[in-house]
Structures are given as C-alpha cells and as structure tokens.
Amino acid sequence: MSSVVVDAILFELIQGVTSAKPVRTLNNKLKVDSPELWFRACSSELPIPLRHLEEDDLVTSFGQRNTFVHFHQLKVAEQRHGHFCGHFAYHFAACATKLCQSSDVKSRLDMVQEISSETAQWRRYWSSVKELCGYAKLADLWWPWTEEAILSGCMERTHMKYLVESHYNNVLTLQFGYGCFQDELDHIIKVNTAIESFCSKPGPSNLIFVVGVVYHWVCLMAHKTAKRDTLKSHLQRSAGIRGAAESGSNQMQSISDPISGQDDEVHVFYFDSKNHPATVMTTEEMDALTAKWELEDKTRGKEWSPWEKNNYKQGLRDQQVLPLLLAKCLSGKTTLISEYLDIRAHIIVTSYREHVSQQEEYLVALWSWLEVHHRPHHLRQGLLSAITTIGTGQVSDTCVKELNYLVEDVATKLPSPVDSEIALVTDFYILIVELKSVLEKPI
C-alpha cells in the first residue's frame, strides 16, 4: 500500500493529544504516507499483517484510548442467506486458529484469503453438517439434533459447543444479549480464567471468541503484542517533544503509561458475516438498517411484530457494546466476572427503581414486579449465588453501591416480614436479608 489508514485515535496520540475521551471512527479515517506511524498495527508480527492489506479489506478500524485496545473489522466471506451466521462464525474461528499458528506473512495472508472466501466457508459448512448429523444419529438425539434442524442452517448453541470442543478447544464461546452475558456462572468463571491468563502473561499471545449476540453469531480474535517502546518514540518525533527531558518539560509525563508504549498492546480482530460496521454505527444508522431489513421481509410477505423490530435493533446495539466490554477485560482494566455482576445488578436495580420504588402502592408494585420481572428464586439462583460463589472481593464498588441501595430501600419500605399469605413478597424479603448478610461479610 502506498499509504496506510490511520484512525483518529492514533493520529491524536501522535500529535500529543492526551484527552481521555475514546475516539471511534467510521468515515473519519486519515491517510498518512509514512507507514511507520501505524506502528504495531502494521507489524507483520500481528496474526493479520495489516500493512499488506488494502484499505477496502477493512470495514472499520479504530482505537480506544482508555484501554489502549485497537479494533480492526475485516471484510469476510459474506452471508447472503438467513440463519447461517453460526456456520460463518465457526469458519472464521477455525481460520483464526490457524492464523495464530502461522509463522510467516505468506501463510497468514493465505488464511486471510480463506476467511474472505465464501467457497471455503461453504466447504466447511458441509463438512460440519455431515459431522453434526453423524453425531446426532449415533447418539440418538432429539431437537435441535434432528437432521431437519441441522440442515436448516441455524447453528444452535449445542451445535457450536460440540464443534468447538471437538476441534478447537482454544476457542471460547459466549452468549451476549440485551446488554449482559447470558451464560451460566461456571462458564463465565472458565472464560474469565482464560482472559486473566491472557492479561497476566507477556505477549505475544492470542484468544479467540465465538459469541452469540441475540440472534447473530460473530467471531473475535484478540492478539497481545510483545512490549515495546515504539509509540513513545513516535510521540516524541511527531509531537516535537524530543527535547522534553533536556528542557525539563513534563509533557511526556502527562501521558499515561499505557499510551507511552510501556504496556502490551491488544489488537482485536472482529469478523461478522454481515460485514456491517455495527461497532461504530450511530443510532440513526441502526434504525435505517433495521428499517431496510423490515422492508425486505415485507416484500417477501413477512410482517414484523413490534417485538421483532426491537429485537433486531437490540442485536445491533449489543454488537456495539460487546467488543467494548471485552476490550476492558482484555486490557486488564476489569474482569469478566466483575462486568457480569455489574451488569446484572444494574439491570435489577434499575428495573426496581422504575417499577417499584417510585410507586405509591409499594406493596402492590413490588408483588407485580416480582411476578413479572424478577422472581426471588431466580434472583437467589442468579445474582446472590454468583456473589456468594465468587466472593465479595471480585464485586466492584459500583455493584456494591447499587445493591446496598436495593437493600436499604426495601428495608425502609418493607421493615418487617410481611404476611405469609403473600409468599412471593415474603421470599423476596428473606432474599434481601441474605443479600445484606453477604455484602457485609469481610473480603
């Protein structure tokens, strides 16, 4: 390439801009004639050597300053039919695994071609279908293991789990929807352990994820580079602060350690069979894309319900949130378990504030909320069980603050055990007492 695409975040860093606000770009890409300015991202040491790609090979590329994680969404084999996204994501994960094992630029570029090859994807699809049908017949399983279900092209969670565990035990699976991780706690702990190992060990190292996001499967490959001081030297040259040390200027000291190049850099490669830049879409762009999908279905004679419309919009929103959440975990700024608890606590407390705390008929509102939204049994088996299992040491201050609000508000408005005839409310009161006890335990 005669020039390289440099996102606004990197350009600002090179100019010495140290604002903490993350910058994400879609149409605001900048071209710089000096390839060395694209420091690590252009390095052939990355699993995907970006300096050998054309600009059109990228859907989008941006950086996040507060975590110092770089995102690169590559154009991949495009899904032209419904329901097949899981098979595409599995294909990308298989190719990403081989990418991480490749030692030279040519073999890596060959795998990049494989990722973008629809022929290669469909070849893998038929191989996977044959394997799934064979396993289903041998194990005498029911839906979703019927031949009809498998041949429909819809990759169910159990299908993905079987294929990944059979061939790529280095690939991590997750389920994310409506703003939170949907997996069971024991699986979250397993993935969290893998991410913590990734964070604690020096680069180069890799992690590969296949994630079900509401109705859509995507694949992410995280790569951590070895420690280098490259960016600091670029900052010194480009920002004109080579003489900072001699002049006594503290300009370099205003730049945090990760930005100074002392920490490992994490590059996340994002593979989506739809090739939509969901990670950087505005609300208006999401609405327009959803309206386009709805119109296409309408021409085929299918009308969307309000729930379906909201579900498709939510899927796009979650595809934007997911990479940013994983970035925080992969950079070591937080843990997956902490995010898992934070999100769940926030959802519960926000819902309680809206539907119960502000209502005049508190007891009636509480009973209705418990009946419709959050039954005590589910709260006990979910959030309370998670905190008890993990320990309060991994619960963030934000999470504790929100849960303490819930405990104190319930204690104020429901100060003593209520009539046992309202079993649901009584059980909730007992749950709140248990939660208070857990939160008060020393770490």
Foldseek 3Di string as FASTA:
>chain_A
DQKDKDAPVLVCLLQLNADQAFDFDQPPIDIDRDVCSVPPQCDLPDLQNRVPDDPQQWNGWGAHRVLQEIETEGQFAADPDPQQQLLLQVQLLVLVVVSVVDDGSVVSVVSRVLRRDPVNSVVVLVVLLVVLLVVCVVVVDDPPSDNVNSVVNHQDPVSSVVVCVVPPVQEQEWEEEPHATDDDLVSQVVVLVVLVVLQVDFDQDKGKYWYHYLRHIKIKMKGWHGQDQSQLVSSCVSNVCVCCVVVVNCSVVVHDPVSRRRDIHMYMYIYGNNSDPLQPDDLVRLLVVLVVVQVVVVVVVDHDDPVRSVSSSRSSVRVNVVVVVVSCSNSVVATSLQSNLLRVLCVVLVLCVVQALPDPPRVVSVLVCCVPPNFLVCCCSPNVVSCVVVDCVRHDPNSLVSLVVVLVSCCVVVVDQDDCVSVRVNSVNVSSVSVVVRSPDDD
